[in-house]
Amino acid sequence: MDLILLFVFLPLVTVAWGQYGDYYYSPYNNGDNDEWVNVYRQGFNFQCPHGQVIVAVRSVFSKKEGSDRLWNYACMPAAQSLGEPTECWWEEINRAGTEWYQTCSNNGLVAGFQSQYFPSVLDREWQFYCCRYSRRCPYSCWPTTEYPGHYGEDMDMMMYTYDYYIRGATTTFSAVDRDRQWKFIVCRMTEYDCPFQNV
């Protein structure tokens, strides 16, 4: 099964590599805790290197580990046309045990995640690390399909289209499964400096 998936996804990853150029990925392996950005039931803080944004999210779920997930992220440089980030910040905390929707304010793009596990609700709270590039504005935004497809499944989301960026997410939370499904908010960026700010 793993070999079949490798043959299916390898050409797609190769195309994405060619489109983005330089590539940074936190170590990833099928379940070894030292290959993920977190361990079960612990908090974590992940930020892309300066000038890069999140382009992939991977996760595995374990009911026996407090209905928690291991997480891993991939980063790639933003397009040169966006310039350097002019500022970066942490957004407000999204509380554990609730559904939520959030996009980066001030035209920002997601460049990191911070999370803390809460055993009382068997869920995590989240914050996005956002960076703004000049005064470029997101437009033509859309939500991805749900990741994972069903509660409790492994999650593997990767941006395969160049010049589209993650700006936020909306999540649903199952009180029965104690797990989340994510839809990432994906946008294009204008080719010109914007005279206004989105909040």
N, C-alpha and C. Protein backbone atom coordinates (compact mmCIF):
# COMPACT_ATOMS: atom_id res chain seq x y z
N MET A 1 0.82 -1.21 0.00
CA MET A 1 0.00 0.00 0.00
C MET A 1 0.86 1.26 0.00
N ASP A 2 1.92 1.27 0.86
CA ASP A 2 2.79 2.44 0.92
C ASP A 2 3.51 2.68 -0.41
N LEU A 3 3.89 1.58 -1.09
CA LEU A 3 4.57 1.73 -2.39
C LEU A 3 3.63 2.31 -3.43
N ILE A 4 2.36 1.89 -3.38
CA ILE A 4 1.38 2.43 -4.34
C ILE A 4 1.24 3.93 -4.14
N LEU A 5 1.11 4.36 -2.87
CA LEU A 5 0.99 5.79 -2.58
C LEU A 5 2.23 6.54 -3.02
N LEU A 6 3.40 5.93 -2.83
CA LEU A 6 4.64 6.58 -3.25
C LEU A 6 4.64 6.83 -4.75
N PHE A 7 4.23 5.83 -5.54
CA PHE A 7 4.22 5.99 -6.99
C PHE A 7 3.16 6.99 -7.45
N VAL A 8 2.08 7.12 -6.68
CA VAL A 8 1.03 8.08 -7.04
C VAL A 8 1.47 9.50 -6.73
N PHE A 9 2.08 9.71 -5.55
CA PHE A 9 2.39 11.06 -5.11
C PHE A 9 3.77 11.57 -5.52
N LEU A 10 4.70 10.68 -5.86
CA LEU A 10 6.05 11.11 -6.22
C LEU A 10 6.07 12.07 -7.40
N PRO A 11 5.32 11.80 -8.49
CA PRO A 11 5.32 12.77 -9.59
C PRO A 11 4.76 14.13 -9.18
N LEU A 12 3.75 14.13 -8.31
CA LEU A 12 3.16 15.40 -7.87
C LEU A 12 4.14 16.20 -7.03
N VAL A 13 4.86 15.51 -6.14
CA VAL A 13 5.84 16.19 -5.31
C VAL A 13 6.97 16.75 -6.17
N THR A 14 7.38 15.99 -7.18
CA THR A 14 8.44 16.44 -8.08
C THR A 14 8.02 17.70 -8.81
N VAL A 15 6.76 17.76 -9.26
CA VAL A 15 6.25 18.96 -9.92
C VAL A 15 6.25 20.13 -8.96
N ALA A 16 5.80 19.91 -7.73
CA ALA A 16 5.77 20.99 -6.73
C ALA A 16 7.18 21.48 -6.44
N TRP A 17 8.13 20.56 -6.33
CA TRP A 17 9.53 20.95 -6.10
C TRP A 17 10.02 21.85 -7.22
N GLY A 18 9.74 21.46 -8.45
CA GLY A 18 10.20 22.24 -9.59
C GLY A 18 9.59 23.62 -9.63
N GLN A 19 8.34 23.74 -9.17
CA GLN A 19 7.67 25.03 -9.19
C GLN A 19 8.20 25.96 -8.13
N TYR A 20 8.52 25.44 -6.97
CA TYR A 20 8.89 26.29 -5.85
C TYR A 20 10.38 26.53 -5.71
N GLY A 21 11.23 25.65 -6.22
CA GLY A 21 12.67 25.84 -6.06
C GLY A 21 13.14 25.35 -4.70
N ASP A 22 13.74 26.24 -3.90
CA ASP A 22 14.23 25.87 -2.57
C ASP A 22 13.09 25.32 -1.73
N TYR A 23 13.42 24.36 -0.89
CA TYR A 23 12.37 23.63 -0.18
C TYR A 23 12.87 23.29 1.21
N TYR A 24 12.05 23.54 2.22
CA TYR A 24 12.40 23.19 3.60
C TYR A 24 11.28 22.35 4.17
N TYR A 25 11.63 21.18 4.69
CA TYR A 25 10.62 20.32 5.30
C TYR A 25 11.14 19.82 6.63
N SER A 26 10.33 19.98 7.65
CA SER A 26 10.69 19.40 8.93
C SER A 26 10.75 17.88 8.76
N PRO A 27 11.65 17.18 9.43
CA PRO A 27 11.77 15.73 9.24
C PRO A 27 10.44 15.02 9.38
N TYR A 28 10.20 14.05 8.51
CA TYR A 28 8.92 13.33 8.52
C TYR A 28 9.17 11.83 8.38
N ASN A 29 8.49 11.07 9.22
CA ASN A 29 8.56 9.62 9.14
C ASN A 29 7.24 9.09 9.66
N ASN A 30 6.89 7.87 9.34
CA ASN A 30 5.58 7.32 9.71
C ASN A 30 5.47 6.95 11.18
N GLY A 31 5.57 7.91 12.07
CA GLY A 31 5.22 7.65 13.45
C GLY A 31 6.33 7.76 14.48
N ASP A 32 7.59 7.87 14.08
CA ASP A 32 8.64 8.05 15.08
C ASP A 32 8.54 9.46 15.64
N ASN A 33 8.36 9.56 16.97
CA ASN A 33 8.13 10.86 17.59
C ASN A 33 9.23 11.87 17.29
N ASP A 34 10.48 11.39 17.12
CA ASP A 34 11.56 12.35 16.90
C ASP A 34 11.55 12.88 15.46
N GLU A 35 10.65 12.42 14.61
CA GLU A 35 10.56 12.89 13.24
C GLU A 35 9.40 13.87 13.05
N TRP A 36 8.73 14.25 14.10
CA TRP A 36 7.60 15.18 14.04
C TRP A 36 7.95 16.45 14.81
N VAL A 37 7.16 17.49 14.64
CA VAL A 37 7.44 18.74 15.36
C VAL A 37 6.94 18.68 16.80
N ASN A 38 6.17 17.66 17.15
CA ASN A 38 5.66 17.53 18.51
C ASN A 38 5.68 16.08 18.95
N VAL A 39 5.41 15.86 20.22
CA VAL A 39 5.09 14.54 20.75
C VAL A 39 3.65 14.63 21.23
N TYR A 40 3.02 13.46 21.39
CA TYR A 40 1.63 13.45 21.83
C TYR A 40 1.45 14.19 23.15
N ARG A 41 0.35 14.91 23.24
CA ARG A 41 -0.09 15.61 24.46
C ARG A 41 0.88 16.70 24.93
N GLN A 42 1.69 17.20 24.01
CA GLN A 42 2.60 18.30 24.35
C GLN A 42 2.37 19.46 23.39
N GLY A 43 2.70 20.66 23.85
CA GLY A 43 2.60 21.83 23.01
C GLY A 43 3.75 21.90 22.01
N PHE A 44 3.61 22.74 21.00
CA PHE A 44 4.70 22.96 20.05
C PHE A 44 4.57 24.32 19.39
N ASN A 45 5.67 24.78 18.83
CA ASN A 45 5.74 26.05 18.12
C ASN A 45 6.58 25.80 16.87
N PHE A 46 5.97 25.95 15.70
CA PHE A 46 6.69 25.75 14.45
C PHE A 46 6.60 27.01 13.59
N GLN A 47 7.76 27.52 13.16
CA GLN A 47 7.81 28.67 12.27
C GLN A 47 8.69 28.35 11.07
N CYS A 48 8.21 28.72 9.89
CA CYS A 48 9.03 28.57 8.68
C CYS A 48 10.23 29.51 8.77
N PRO A 49 11.31 29.20 8.07
CA PRO A 49 12.42 30.15 7.97
C PRO A 49 11.94 31.47 7.36
N HIS A 50 12.66 32.55 7.64
CA HIS A 50 12.28 33.89 7.16
C HIS A 50 12.05 33.88 5.65
N GLY A 51 10.93 34.45 5.22
CA GLY A 51 10.62 34.54 3.80
C GLY A 51 9.95 33.32 3.22
N GLN A 52 9.62 32.34 4.07
CA GLN A 52 8.94 31.14 3.59
C GLN A 52 7.56 31.01 4.22
N VAL A 53 6.70 30.24 3.56
CA VAL A 53 5.32 30.04 4.03
C VAL A 53 5.01 28.55 4.04
N ILE A 54 3.97 28.17 4.78
CA ILE A 54 3.54 26.78 4.87
C ILE A 54 2.95 26.33 3.53
N VAL A 55 3.38 25.16 3.04
CA VAL A 55 2.82 24.61 1.81
C VAL A 55 2.33 23.18 1.98
N ALA A 56 2.58 22.56 3.13
CA ALA A 56 2.10 21.19 3.36
C ALA A 56 1.91 20.95 4.85
N VAL A 57 0.92 20.12 5.15
CA VAL A 57 0.61 19.75 6.54
C VAL A 57 0.39 18.25 6.56
N ARG A 58 1.09 17.55 7.47
CA ARG A 58 0.89 16.11 7.65
C ARG A 58 0.60 15.84 9.11
N SER A 59 -0.22 14.81 9.35
CA SER A 59 -0.59 14.51 10.72
C SER A 59 -1.08 13.07 10.83
N VAL A 60 -0.82 12.44 11.97
CA VAL A 60 -1.37 11.13 12.28
C VAL A 60 -2.08 11.21 13.63
N PHE A 61 -3.18 10.47 13.75
CA PHE A 61 -4.05 10.51 14.92
C PHE A 61 -3.87 9.26 15.76
N SER A 62 -3.93 9.40 17.08
CA SER A 62 -3.87 8.26 17.99
C SER A 62 -4.90 8.43 19.10
N LYS A 63 -5.91 7.54 19.10
CA LYS A 63 -6.91 7.59 20.15
C LYS A 63 -6.31 7.23 21.50
N LYS A 64 -5.38 6.25 21.52
CA LYS A 64 -4.79 5.81 22.79
C LYS A 64 -3.87 6.86 23.39
N GLU A 65 -3.42 7.82 22.59
CA GLU A 65 -2.55 8.91 23.09
C GLU A 65 -3.36 10.17 23.36
N GLY A 66 -4.53 9.99 23.96
CA GLY A 66 -5.37 11.13 24.34
C GLY A 66 -6.10 11.74 23.17
N SER A 67 -6.41 10.93 22.14
CA SER A 67 -7.06 11.44 20.92
C SER A 67 -6.30 12.65 20.38
N ASP A 68 -4.99 12.51 20.35
CA ASP A 68 -4.12 13.61 19.90
C ASP A 68 -3.47 13.23 18.57
N ARG A 69 -2.77 14.21 17.99
CA ARG A 69 -2.10 14.03 16.71
C ARG A 69 -0.63 14.43 16.78
N LEU A 70 0.17 13.76 15.97
CA LEU A 70 1.51 14.23 15.66
C LEU A 70 1.40 15.11 14.43
N TRP A 71 2.23 16.17 14.36
CA TRP A 71 2.13 17.14 13.26
C TRP A 71 3.49 17.35 12.61
N ASN A 72 3.44 17.67 11.32
CA ASN A 72 4.63 18.03 10.57
C ASN A 72 4.23 19.02 9.48
N TYR A 73 5.14 19.93 9.15
CA TYR A 73 4.85 21.00 8.19
C TYR A 73 5.98 21.14 7.20
N ALA A 74 5.64 21.58 5.99
CA ALA A 74 6.65 21.90 4.98
C ALA A 74 6.53 23.37 4.62
N CYS A 75 7.68 23.98 4.35
CA CYS A 75 7.74 25.40 3.99
C CYS A 75 8.45 25.55 2.64
N MET A 76 8.08 26.58 1.90
CA MET A 76 8.79 26.96 0.69
C MET A 76 8.82 28.48 0.60
N PRO A 77 9.82 29.02 -0.09
CA PRO A 77 9.89 30.49 -0.22
C PRO A 77 8.67 31.04 -0.95
N ALA A 78 8.20 32.18 -0.47
CA ALA A 78 7.14 32.89 -1.20
C ALA A 78 7.72 33.38 -2.53
N ALA A 79 6.85 33.61 -3.50
CA ALA A 79 7.31 34.08 -4.81
C ALA A 79 8.12 35.36 -4.65
N GLN A 80 9.15 35.53 -5.46
CA GLN A 80 10.00 36.72 -5.39
C GLN A 80 9.21 38.00 -5.63
N SER A 81 8.13 37.89 -6.40
CA SER A 81 7.33 39.08 -6.68
C SER A 81 6.68 39.66 -5.43
N LEU A 82 6.57 38.84 -4.36
CA LEU A 82 5.98 39.34 -3.12
C LEU A 82 6.99 40.14 -2.30
N GLY A 83 8.27 39.98 -2.59
CA GLY A 83 9.30 40.68 -1.82
C GLY A 83 9.54 40.00 -0.48
N GLU A 84 10.19 40.72 0.43
CA GLU A 84 10.47 40.21 1.77
C GLU A 84 9.27 40.47 2.69
N PRO A 85 9.11 39.65 3.72
CA PRO A 85 8.05 39.95 4.69
C PRO A 85 8.32 41.28 5.38
N THR A 86 7.30 42.11 5.49
CA THR A 86 7.46 43.40 6.16
C THR A 86 7.16 43.32 7.65
N GLU A 87 6.38 42.31 8.04
CA GLU A 87 6.12 42.08 9.47
C GLU A 87 5.53 40.69 9.65
N CYS A 88 5.73 40.13 10.84
CA CYS A 88 5.17 38.82 11.20
C CYS A 88 4.61 38.89 12.61
N TRP A 89 3.61 38.09 12.91
CA TRP A 89 2.93 38.14 14.22
C TRP A 89 2.17 36.85 14.47
N TRP A 90 1.79 36.63 15.73
CA TRP A 90 0.91 35.53 16.12
C TRP A 90 -0.51 36.04 16.18
N GLU A 91 -1.43 35.33 15.54
CA GLU A 91 -2.85 35.67 15.60
C GLU A 91 -3.43 35.27 16.96
N GLU A 92 -4.70 35.60 17.17
CA GLU A 92 -5.37 35.25 18.41
C GLU A 92 -5.48 33.73 18.55
N ILE A 93 -5.59 33.26 19.79
CA ILE A 93 -5.70 31.83 20.07
C ILE A 93 -7.10 31.33 19.71
N ASN A 94 -7.15 30.18 19.03
CA ASN A 94 -8.41 29.48 18.78
C ASN A 94 -8.57 28.41 19.86
N ARG A 95 -9.63 28.50 20.63
CA ARG A 95 -9.80 27.69 21.83
C ARG A 95 -10.07 26.22 21.53
N ALA A 96 -9.61 25.36 22.41
CA ALA A 96 -9.82 23.91 22.30
C ALA A 96 -11.29 23.57 22.50
N GLY A 97 -11.74 22.51 21.83
CA GLY A 97 -13.10 22.00 22.01
C GLY A 97 -14.17 22.75 21.26
N THR A 98 -13.80 23.73 20.44
CA THR A 98 -14.80 24.51 19.70
C THR A 98 -14.46 24.52 18.22
N GLU A 99 -15.47 24.77 17.40
CA GLU A 99 -15.23 24.98 15.98
C GLU A 99 -14.79 26.41 15.78
N TRP A 100 -13.98 26.66 14.77
CA TRP A 100 -13.53 28.03 14.54
C TRP A 100 -13.14 28.25 13.09
N TYR A 101 -13.09 29.54 12.76
CA TYR A 101 -12.67 30.01 11.44
C TYR A 101 -11.74 31.19 11.67
N GLN A 102 -10.57 31.18 11.02
CA GLN A 102 -9.67 32.31 11.17
C GLN A 102 -8.76 32.45 9.95
N THR A 103 -8.59 33.69 9.52
CA THR A 103 -7.60 34.00 8.49
C THR A 103 -6.61 34.99 9.09
N CYS A 104 -5.42 35.02 8.53
CA CYS A 104 -4.43 35.99 8.97
C CYS A 104 -4.95 37.40 8.69
N SER A 105 -4.87 38.26 9.67
CA SER A 105 -5.27 39.65 9.48
C SER A 105 -4.21 40.39 8.68
N ASN A 106 -4.50 41.63 8.28
CA ASN A 106 -3.51 42.52 7.67
C ASN A 106 -2.85 41.90 6.42
N ASN A 107 -3.65 41.14 5.64
CA ASN A 107 -3.17 40.52 4.40
C ASN A 107 -2.09 39.47 4.60
N GLY A 108 -1.98 38.90 5.79
CA GLY A 108 -0.91 37.96 6.08
C GLY A 108 -1.12 36.58 5.49
N LEU A 109 -0.02 35.83 5.40
CA LEU A 109 -0.01 34.45 4.95
C LEU A 109 0.51 33.57 6.08
N VAL A 110 0.02 32.33 6.17
CA VAL A 110 0.40 31.44 7.27
C VAL A 110 1.85 30.95 7.08
N ALA A 111 2.67 31.23 8.09
CA ALA A 111 4.08 30.84 8.06
C ALA A 111 4.46 30.01 9.28
N GLY A 112 3.46 29.58 10.06
CA GLY A 112 3.75 28.75 11.22
C GLY A 112 2.51 28.43 12.02
N PHE A 113 2.66 27.49 12.95
CA PHE A 113 1.58 27.06 13.83
C PHE A 113 2.12 26.93 15.25
N GLN A 114 1.27 27.28 16.20
CA GLN A 114 1.57 27.05 17.62
C GLN A 114 0.36 26.36 18.22
N SER A 115 0.60 25.39 19.09
CA SER A 115 -0.51 24.61 19.63
C SER A 115 -0.21 24.13 21.03
N GLN A 116 -1.26 24.04 21.83
CA GLN A 116 -1.15 23.51 23.19
C GLN A 116 -2.25 22.48 23.39
N TYR A 117 -1.93 21.34 23.97
CA TYR A 117 -2.89 20.25 24.20
C TYR A 117 -3.58 20.45 25.55
N PHE A 118 -4.90 20.17 25.59
CA PHE A 118 -5.67 20.27 26.82
C PHE A 118 -6.33 18.92 27.11
N PRO A 119 -5.83 18.18 28.13
CA PRO A 119 -6.38 16.85 28.42
C PRO A 119 -7.83 16.89 28.88
N SER A 120 -8.29 18.01 29.41
CA SER A 120 -9.67 18.09 29.90
C SER A 120 -10.69 17.98 28.77
N VAL A 121 -10.31 18.40 27.56
CA VAL A 121 -11.23 18.32 26.42
C VAL A 121 -10.70 17.41 25.31
N LEU A 122 -9.51 16.82 25.51
CA LEU A 122 -8.87 15.97 24.50
C LEU A 122 -8.81 16.70 23.16
N ASP A 123 -8.29 17.91 23.21
CA ASP A 123 -8.18 18.73 22.00
C ASP A 123 -7.07 19.76 22.20
N ARG A 124 -6.78 20.49 21.13
CA ARG A 124 -5.72 21.49 21.15
C ARG A 124 -6.29 22.88 20.87
N GLU A 125 -5.61 23.88 21.43
CA GLU A 125 -5.84 25.24 20.98
C GLU A 125 -4.76 25.57 19.96
N TRP A 126 -5.04 26.53 19.08
CA TRP A 126 -4.16 26.82 17.95
C TRP A 126 -3.95 28.31 17.77
N GLN A 127 -2.78 28.65 17.23
CA GLN A 127 -2.48 30.00 16.76
C GLN A 127 -1.75 29.91 15.44
N PHE A 128 -2.08 30.82 14.52
CA PHE A 128 -1.33 30.94 13.28
C PHE A 128 -0.23 31.97 13.43
N TYR A 129 0.94 31.67 12.87
CA TYR A 129 2.00 32.65 12.73
C TYR A 129 1.88 33.21 11.32
N CYS A 130 1.66 34.50 11.21
CA CYS A 130 1.35 35.13 9.93
C CYS A 130 2.43 36.13 9.54
N CYS A 131 2.68 36.26 8.24
CA CYS A 131 3.62 37.25 7.72
C CYS A 131 2.98 38.00 6.56
N ARG A 132 3.23 39.30 6.52
CA ARG A 132 2.71 40.16 5.45
C ARG A 132 3.86 40.51 4.52
N TYR A 133 3.57 40.48 3.23
CA TYR A 133 4.57 40.78 2.20
C TYR A 133 4.18 42.09 1.52
N SER A 134 5.00 43.13 1.74
CA SER A 134 4.70 44.47 1.22
C SER A 134 3.25 44.81 1.55
N ARG A 135 2.50 45.21 0.54
CA ARG A 135 1.08 45.46 0.76
C ARG A 135 0.27 44.67 -0.27
N ARG A 136 0.76 43.48 -0.59
CA ARG A 136 0.02 42.60 -1.50
C ARG A 136 -1.21 42.06 -0.81
N CYS A 137 -2.27 41.90 -1.57
CA CYS A 137 -3.55 41.49 -0.98
C CYS A 137 -3.98 40.13 -1.49
N PRO A 138 -4.54 39.30 -0.61
CA PRO A 138 -5.10 38.03 -1.05
C PRO A 138 -6.40 38.28 -1.83
N TYR A 139 -6.62 37.45 -2.84
CA TYR A 139 -7.89 37.48 -3.58
C TYR A 139 -8.15 36.08 -4.13
N SER A 140 -9.34 35.89 -4.68
CA SER A 140 -9.72 34.60 -5.26
C SER A 140 -9.48 33.47 -4.25
N CYS A 141 -9.96 33.65 -3.03
CA CYS A 141 -9.75 32.67 -1.96
C CYS A 141 -10.80 31.56 -2.02
N TRP A 142 -10.42 30.38 -1.58
CA TRP A 142 -11.34 29.25 -1.56
C TRP A 142 -10.89 28.27 -0.47
N PRO A 143 -11.85 27.51 0.08
CA PRO A 143 -11.49 26.49 1.07
C PRO A 143 -11.12 25.18 0.38
N THR A 144 -10.12 24.50 0.89
CA THR A 144 -9.77 23.19 0.37
C THR A 144 -10.84 22.18 0.76
N THR A 145 -10.71 20.96 0.30
CA THR A 145 -11.55 19.88 0.82
C THR A 145 -11.16 19.62 2.27
N GLU A 146 -11.92 18.79 2.95
CA GLU A 146 -11.64 18.52 4.35
C GLU A 146 -10.43 17.61 4.51
N TYR A 147 -9.57 17.97 5.45
CA TYR A 147 -8.41 17.16 5.83
C TYR A 147 -8.47 16.90 7.32
N PRO A 148 -8.41 15.64 7.77
CA PRO A 148 -8.49 14.43 6.97
C PRO A 148 -9.90 14.25 6.41
N GLY A 149 -10.07 13.28 5.52
CA GLY A 149 -11.39 13.04 4.93
C GLY A 149 -12.42 12.60 5.94
N HIS A 150 -11.98 11.88 6.98
CA HIS A 150 -12.84 11.44 8.07
C HIS A 150 -12.08 11.60 9.38
N TYR A 151 -12.81 11.82 10.46
CA TYR A 151 -12.18 11.95 11.77
C TYR A 151 -11.34 10.71 12.07
N GLY A 152 -10.18 10.93 12.67
CA GLY A 152 -9.32 9.83 13.08
C GLY A 152 -8.38 9.31 12.01
N GLU A 153 -8.51 9.80 10.78
CA GLU A 153 -7.63 9.35 9.71
C GLU A 153 -6.35 10.18 9.67
N ASP A 154 -5.35 9.63 8.98
CA ASP A 154 -4.12 10.40 8.75
C ASP A 154 -4.44 11.56 7.82
N MET A 155 -3.60 12.57 7.88
CA MET A 155 -3.84 13.80 7.12
C MET A 155 -2.59 14.12 6.32
N ASP A 156 -2.78 14.46 5.05
CA ASP A 156 -1.65 14.82 4.19
C ASP A 156 -2.13 15.84 3.18
N MET A 157 -1.90 17.11 3.45
CA MET A 157 -2.33 18.19 2.58
C MET A 157 -1.10 18.89 2.02
N MET A 158 -1.05 19.05 0.70
CA MET A 158 0.07 19.75 0.08
C MET A 158 -0.43 20.67 -1.01
N MET A 159 0.14 21.87 -1.06
CA MET A 159 -0.21 22.84 -2.11
C MET A 159 0.52 22.44 -3.39
N TYR A 160 -0.24 22.08 -4.41
CA TYR A 160 0.37 21.66 -5.67
C TYR A 160 0.35 22.77 -6.72
N THR A 161 -0.30 23.88 -6.41
CA THR A 161 -0.43 24.96 -7.37
C THR A 161 0.44 26.13 -6.96
N TYR A 162 1.35 26.53 -7.81
CA TYR A 162 2.24 27.64 -7.52
C TYR A 162 1.46 28.94 -7.48
N ASP A 163 1.89 29.87 -6.62
CA ASP A 163 1.26 31.19 -6.46
C ASP A 163 -0.07 31.14 -5.73
N TYR A 164 -0.38 30.06 -5.07
CA TYR A 164 -1.50 30.01 -4.14
C TYR A 164 -0.92 29.83 -2.74
N TYR A 165 -1.52 30.50 -1.77
CA TYR A 165 -0.96 30.54 -0.42
C TYR A 165 -2.04 30.28 0.62
N ILE A 166 -1.63 29.66 1.74
CA ILE A 166 -2.56 29.41 2.84
C ILE A 166 -2.70 30.68 3.65
N ARG A 167 -3.95 31.13 3.83
CA ARG A 167 -4.21 32.36 4.58
C ARG A 167 -4.89 32.09 5.91
N GLY A 168 -5.40 30.88 6.11
CA GLY A 168 -6.08 30.55 7.35
C GLY A 168 -6.74 29.19 7.24
N ALA A 169 -7.72 28.95 8.11
CA ALA A 169 -8.40 27.66 8.10
C ALA A 169 -9.74 27.78 8.82
N THR A 170 -10.59 26.82 8.52
CA THR A 170 -11.81 26.62 9.30
C THR A 170 -11.80 25.16 9.75
N THR A 171 -12.20 24.91 10.98
CA THR A 171 -12.18 23.54 11.49
C THR A 171 -13.51 23.18 12.12
N THR A 172 -13.82 21.89 12.04
CA THR A 172 -14.96 21.34 12.78
C THR A 172 -14.39 20.37 13.81
N PHE A 173 -15.06 20.26 14.94
CA PHE A 173 -14.59 19.40 16.02
C PHE A 173 -15.67 18.40 16.38
N SER A 174 -15.31 17.12 16.45
CA SER A 174 -16.25 16.06 16.81
C SER A 174 -16.09 15.74 18.30
N ALA A 175 -17.17 15.96 19.05
CA ALA A 175 -17.15 15.64 20.48
C ALA A 175 -17.13 14.13 20.70
N VAL A 176 -17.54 13.36 19.70
CA VAL A 176 -17.53 11.89 19.80
C VAL A 176 -16.13 11.36 19.50
N ASP A 177 -15.57 11.75 18.37
CA ASP A 177 -14.26 11.26 17.95
C ASP A 177 -13.10 12.02 18.58
N ARG A 178 -13.37 13.18 19.17
CA ARG A 178 -12.34 14.04 19.77
C ARG A 178 -11.24 14.35 18.77
N ASP A 179 -11.66 14.72 17.57
CA ASP A 179 -10.72 15.03 16.50
C ASP A 179 -11.28 16.18 15.67
N ARG A 180 -10.41 16.77 14.85
CA ARG A 180 -10.78 17.89 14.00
C ARG A 180 -10.64 17.54 12.53
N GLN A 181 -11.47 18.18 11.72
CA GLN A 181 -11.27 18.23 10.28
C GLN A 181 -10.98 19.67 9.91
N TRP A 182 -10.03 19.86 9.00
CA TRP A 182 -9.57 21.17 8.60
C TRP A 182 -9.92 21.45 7.14
N LYS A 183 -10.34 22.66 6.86
CA LYS A 183 -10.38 23.19 5.50
C LYS A 183 -9.46 24.40 5.51
N PHE A 184 -8.41 24.36 4.72
CA PHE A 184 -7.47 25.47 4.67
C PHE A 184 -7.98 26.52 3.68
N ILE A 185 -7.87 27.78 4.07
CA ILE A 185 -8.28 28.89 3.21
C ILE A 185 -7.08 29.25 2.34
N VAL A 186 -7.24 29.07 1.04
CA VAL A 186 -6.15 29.25 0.09
C VAL A 186 -6.47 30.43 -0.82
N CYS A 187 -5.48 31.30 -1.06
CA CYS A 187 -5.69 32.51 -1.86
C CYS A 187 -4.56 32.73 -2.85
N ARG A 188 -4.85 33.50 -3.89
CA ARG A 188 -3.82 34.07 -4.73
C ARG A 188 -3.45 35.43 -4.15
N MET A 189 -2.32 35.99 -4.57
CA MET A 189 -1.93 37.33 -4.14
C MET A 189 -1.89 38.25 -5.35
N THR A 190 -2.29 39.51 -5.13
CA THR A 190 -2.27 40.47 -6.23
C THR A 190 -0.85 40.69 -6.74
N GLU A 191 -0.74 41.15 -7.96
CA GLU A 191 0.56 41.45 -8.56
C GLU A 191 0.96 42.91 -8.32
N TYR A 192 0.16 43.64 -7.59
CA TYR A 192 0.41 45.06 -7.34
C TYR A 192 0.26 45.34 -5.85
N ASP A 193 0.82 46.45 -5.39
CA ASP A 193 0.66 46.86 -4.00
C ASP A 193 -0.75 47.36 -3.79
N CYS A 194 -1.36 46.94 -2.68
CA CYS A 194 -2.74 47.33 -2.40
C CYS A 194 -2.79 48.62 -1.58
N PRO A 195 -3.75 49.49 -1.87
CA PRO A 195 -3.87 50.73 -1.11
C PRO A 195 -4.68 50.58 0.18
N PHE A 196 -5.03 49.34 0.54
CA PHE A 196 -5.85 49.13 1.72
C PHE A 196 -5.35 47.90 2.45
N GLN A 197 -5.93 47.66 3.65
CA GLN A 197 -5.57 46.49 4.45
C GLN A 197 -6.80 45.66 4.68
N ASN A 198 -6.69 44.35 4.51
CA ASN A 198 -7.76 43.43 4.90
C ASN A 198 -7.58 43.06 6.36
N VAL A 199 -8.66 42.95 7.08
CA VAL A 199 -8.56 42.55 8.50
C VAL A 199 -9.30 41.26 8.71
